[in-house]
Amino acid sequence: MKNFGNKDEIIVYGEHSIQLLQHVIDGISNNPVESTTYSIDFSRLKKLKISIKKKFGQPYVKCKIKYEGKDDILIDRVEAADSDSDKPDYTVLKKRMEKTFKTIGDRLKNRSLPSTLETELFCKNAELMTTYSGHGDNMYPAFLELISEFQKAFHQVDIQKCQAKFAEIKAMKRACHHDAD
């Protein structure tokens, strides 16, 4: 697999070509299945081009992928969220969460799951958000429970449950921010 910024290229032969094609079918049918072999982020997919040939009596599949947006911004933030010593300022974290919150909300509204990276970033930042005192402390336990339930629904690839849990998180966010005003 080659990676060029917002582009990826996967080339496979033989029975691996069937596995790749099945992974693509599952991904575009809104039934994404976790694959350790092929890492295609269907939530950011802009264009996917497949070329199928026969070489030496074996199927040869070349898959070119183009993504929307920039993945490197999210990766940097996930790494930043992992280090406790570099705990960001509350307002910085809040702005970061607003962006991922909007992205996840848009994806769910369009009946697709967010990427694993977006979900991990959102959940880690949500947990980090609850370490700041004086910003809705009384709601933190219930908020963390909702985040956990959202994460479980995501790992079960249950889009309706994700939408329902996200709506509850959104309502709690509104209530928390309303109380803070």
Protein backbone atom coordinates (compact mmCIF):
# COMPACT_ATOMS: atom_id res chain seq x y z
CA MET A 1 0.00 0.00 0.00
CA LYS A 2 1.33 3.39 -1.00
CA ASN A 3 0.23 6.60 0.69
CA PHE A 4 0.52 10.01 -0.96
CA GLY A 5 -1.08 12.61 1.36
CA ASN A 6 -4.80 12.44 0.58
CA LYS A 7 -4.31 9.50 -1.81
CA ASP A 8 -3.72 5.80 -1.26
CA GLU A 9 -2.99 2.98 -3.65
CA ILE A 10 -3.49 -0.71 -2.96
CA ILE A 11 -2.29 -3.43 -5.34
CA VAL A 12 -3.14 -7.08 -4.70
CA TYR A 13 -2.93 -10.41 -6.54
CA GLY A 14 -4.78 -13.71 -6.46
CA GLU A 15 -7.22 -14.44 -3.65
CA HIS A 16 -6.24 -11.18 -1.91
CA SER A 17 -7.98 -9.35 -4.78
CA ILE A 18 -11.29 -10.98 -3.83
CA GLN A 19 -10.79 -9.94 -0.18
CA LEU A 20 -10.07 -6.34 -1.21
CA LEU A 21 -13.11 -6.18 -3.49
CA GLN A 22 -15.32 -7.61 -0.72
CA HIS A 23 -13.92 -5.01 1.71
CA VAL A 24 -14.78 -2.23 -0.77
CA ILE A 25 -18.31 -3.61 -1.27
CA ASP A 26 -18.87 -3.79 2.49
CA GLY A 27 -17.51 -0.27 2.97
CA ILE A 28 -19.60 1.46 0.31
CA SER A 29 -22.77 -0.35 1.36
CA ASN A 30 -22.65 1.41 4.78
CA ASN A 31 -21.73 -1.91 6.39
CA PRO A 32 -18.09 -1.18 7.15
CA VAL A 33 -16.17 -4.11 8.54
CA GLU A 34 -12.91 -3.56 10.40
CA SER A 35 -10.01 -4.84 8.33
CA THR A 36 -6.46 -5.18 9.55
CA THR A 37 -5.32 -5.83 5.98
CA TYR A 38 -6.86 -2.87 4.15
CA SER A 39 -7.21 0.56 5.72
CA ILE A 40 -9.71 2.46 3.61
CA ASP A 41 -11.44 5.33 5.41
CA PHE A 42 -14.85 5.22 3.72
CA SER A 43 -16.14 8.16 5.77
CA ARG A 44 -13.66 10.50 4.02
CA LEU A 45 -13.82 8.82 0.61
CA LYS A 46 -13.94 11.22 -2.32
CA LYS A 47 -13.04 8.91 -5.20
CA LEU A 48 -12.22 5.22 -5.54
CA LYS A 49 -10.92 3.81 -8.81
CA ILE A 50 -10.54 0.07 -9.32
CA SER A 51 -8.63 -1.58 -12.13
CA ILE A 52 -8.95 -5.36 -12.56
CA LYS A 53 -6.65 -7.29 -14.89
CA LYS A 54 -5.44 -10.83 -15.29
CA LYS A 55 -1.70 -11.32 -15.01
CA PHE A 56 -0.13 -14.76 -15.23
CA GLY A 57 -3.56 -16.37 -14.86
CA GLN A 58 -4.24 -14.56 -11.56
CA PRO A 59 -6.52 -11.58 -10.89
CA TYR A 60 -4.59 -8.35 -10.34
CA VAL A 61 -6.47 -5.49 -8.64
CA LYS A 62 -5.24 -1.93 -8.37
CA CYS A 63 -7.29 0.34 -6.13
CA LYS A 64 -6.64 4.09 -6.15
CA ILE A 65 -8.27 6.06 -3.35
CA LYS A 66 -8.67 9.81 -2.98
CA TYR A 67 -9.88 11.33 0.30
CA GLU A 68 -11.62 14.57 1.25
CA GLY A 69 -10.03 16.79 3.88
CA LYS A 70 -6.72 16.34 5.62
CA ASP A 71 -6.10 13.31 7.79
CA ASP A 72 -2.85 14.63 9.28
CA ILE A 73 -4.69 17.26 11.35
CA LEU A 74 -6.68 14.56 13.14
CA ILE A 75 -3.62 12.37 13.68
CA ASP A 76 -1.72 15.23 15.31
CA ARG A 77 -4.65 15.89 17.62
CA VAL A 78 -5.01 12.25 18.63
CA GLU A 79 -1.33 12.18 19.56
CA ALA A 80 -1.73 15.45 21.46
CA ALA A 81 -4.72 14.05 23.36
CA ASP A 82 -2.67 11.01 24.41
CA SER A 83 -0.05 12.95 26.33
CA ASP A 84 -1.22 14.00 29.78
CA SER A 85 1.74 16.34 30.32
CA ASP A 86 0.57 18.53 27.43
CA LYS A 87 -2.99 19.01 28.68
CA PRO A 88 -4.45 21.68 26.39
CA ASP A 89 -6.14 24.82 27.61
CA TYR A 90 -9.88 24.31 28.19
CA THR A 91 -10.89 26.70 25.37
CA VAL A 92 -8.50 25.00 22.92
CA LEU A 93 -9.95 21.59 23.77
CA LYS A 94 -13.50 22.93 23.51
CA LYS A 95 -12.83 24.31 19.99
CA ARG A 96 -11.19 21.03 18.98
CA MET A 97 -14.23 19.13 20.22
CA GLU A 98 -16.61 21.45 18.37
CA LYS A 99 -14.92 20.55 15.07
CA THR A 100 -15.05 16.79 15.61
CA PHE A 101 -18.57 17.09 17.05
CA LYS A 102 -19.74 18.82 13.85
CA THR A 103 -17.94 16.31 11.62
CA ILE A 104 -19.45 13.31 13.41
CA GLY A 105 -22.89 14.95 13.45
CA ASP A 106 -22.72 15.59 9.70
CA ARG A 107 -21.67 12.01 8.97
CA LEU A 108 -24.46 10.54 11.10
CA LYS A 109 -26.98 12.94 9.55
CA ASN A 110 -25.92 11.59 6.13
CA ARG A 111 -26.49 8.03 7.42
CA SER A 112 -22.83 7.04 7.50
CA LEU A 113 -20.55 6.24 10.39
CA PRO A 114 -17.65 8.51 11.27
CA SER A 115 -14.16 7.14 10.79
CA THR A 116 -12.45 5.23 13.57
CA LEU A 117 -9.96 8.08 13.88
CA GLU A 118 -12.71 10.70 14.31
CA THR A 119 -14.54 8.58 16.85
CA GLU A 120 -11.40 7.85 18.88
CA LEU A 121 -10.43 11.52 18.85
CA PHE A 122 -13.91 12.61 19.92
CA CYS A 123 -14.14 10.07 22.75
CA LYS A 124 -10.62 10.77 24.06
CA ASN A 125 -11.24 14.51 24.00
CA ALA A 126 -14.61 14.04 25.71
CA GLU A 127 -12.91 12.09 28.50
CA LEU A 128 -10.20 14.75 28.73
CA MET A 129 -12.87 17.47 28.89
CA THR A 130 -14.22 15.94 32.11
CA THR A 131 -10.87 16.48 33.86
CA TYR A 132 -11.49 20.24 33.96
CA SER A 133 -13.35 21.24 37.11
CA GLY A 134 -15.90 24.02 37.18
CA HIS A 135 -17.39 23.26 33.76
CA GLY A 136 -20.43 21.10 34.50
CA ASP A 137 -18.85 18.70 36.99
CA ASN A 138 -22.24 17.37 38.10
CA MET A 139 -22.96 16.17 34.53
CA TYR A 140 -19.59 14.47 33.96
CA PRO A 141 -20.55 10.92 35.11
CA ALA A 142 -23.68 10.81 32.91
CA PHE A 143 -21.73 12.39 30.03
CA LEU A 144 -18.97 9.78 30.27
CA GLU A 145 -21.60 7.02 30.30
CA LEU A 146 -23.12 8.40 27.08
CA ILE A 147 -19.67 8.61 25.47
CA SER A 148 -19.05 4.97 26.41
CA GLU A 149 -22.43 3.91 24.97
CA PHE A 150 -21.73 5.85 21.76
CA GLN A 151 -18.35 4.14 21.47
CA LYS A 152 -19.96 0.69 21.95
CA ALA A 153 -22.57 1.44 19.28
CA PHE A 154 -19.79 2.54 16.92
CA HIS A 155 -17.81 -0.67 17.50
CA GLN A 156 -21.00 -2.68 16.86
CA VAL A 157 -21.35 -0.76 13.55
CA ASP A 158 -24.91 0.17 14.59
CA ILE A 159 -25.66 3.45 12.83
CA GLN A 160 -29.12 3.92 14.37
CA LYS A 161 -27.82 3.41 17.89
CA CYS A 162 -24.93 5.80 17.12
CA GLN A 163 -27.42 8.40 15.91
CA ALA A 164 -29.56 7.97 19.04
CA LYS A 165 -26.60 8.18 21.44
CA PHE A 166 -25.17 11.16 19.56
CA ALA A 167 -28.55 12.94 19.87
CA GLU A 168 -28.43 12.32 23.64
CA ILE A 169 -24.85 13.65 23.80
CA LYS A 170 -25.95 16.71 21.81
CA ALA A 171 -28.87 17.34 24.21
CA MET A 172 -26.58 16.97 27.24
CA LYS A 173 -24.04 19.32 25.63
CA ARG A 174 -26.78 21.92 25.15
CA ALA A 175 -27.95 21.54 28.76
CA CYS A 176 -24.40 21.73 30.13
CA HIS A 177 -23.47 24.78 28.09
CA HIS A 178 -26.80 26.43 28.91
CA ASP A 179 -26.16 25.91 32.65
CA ALA A 180 -22.66 27.37 32.27
CA ASP A 181 -24.04 30.62 30.78
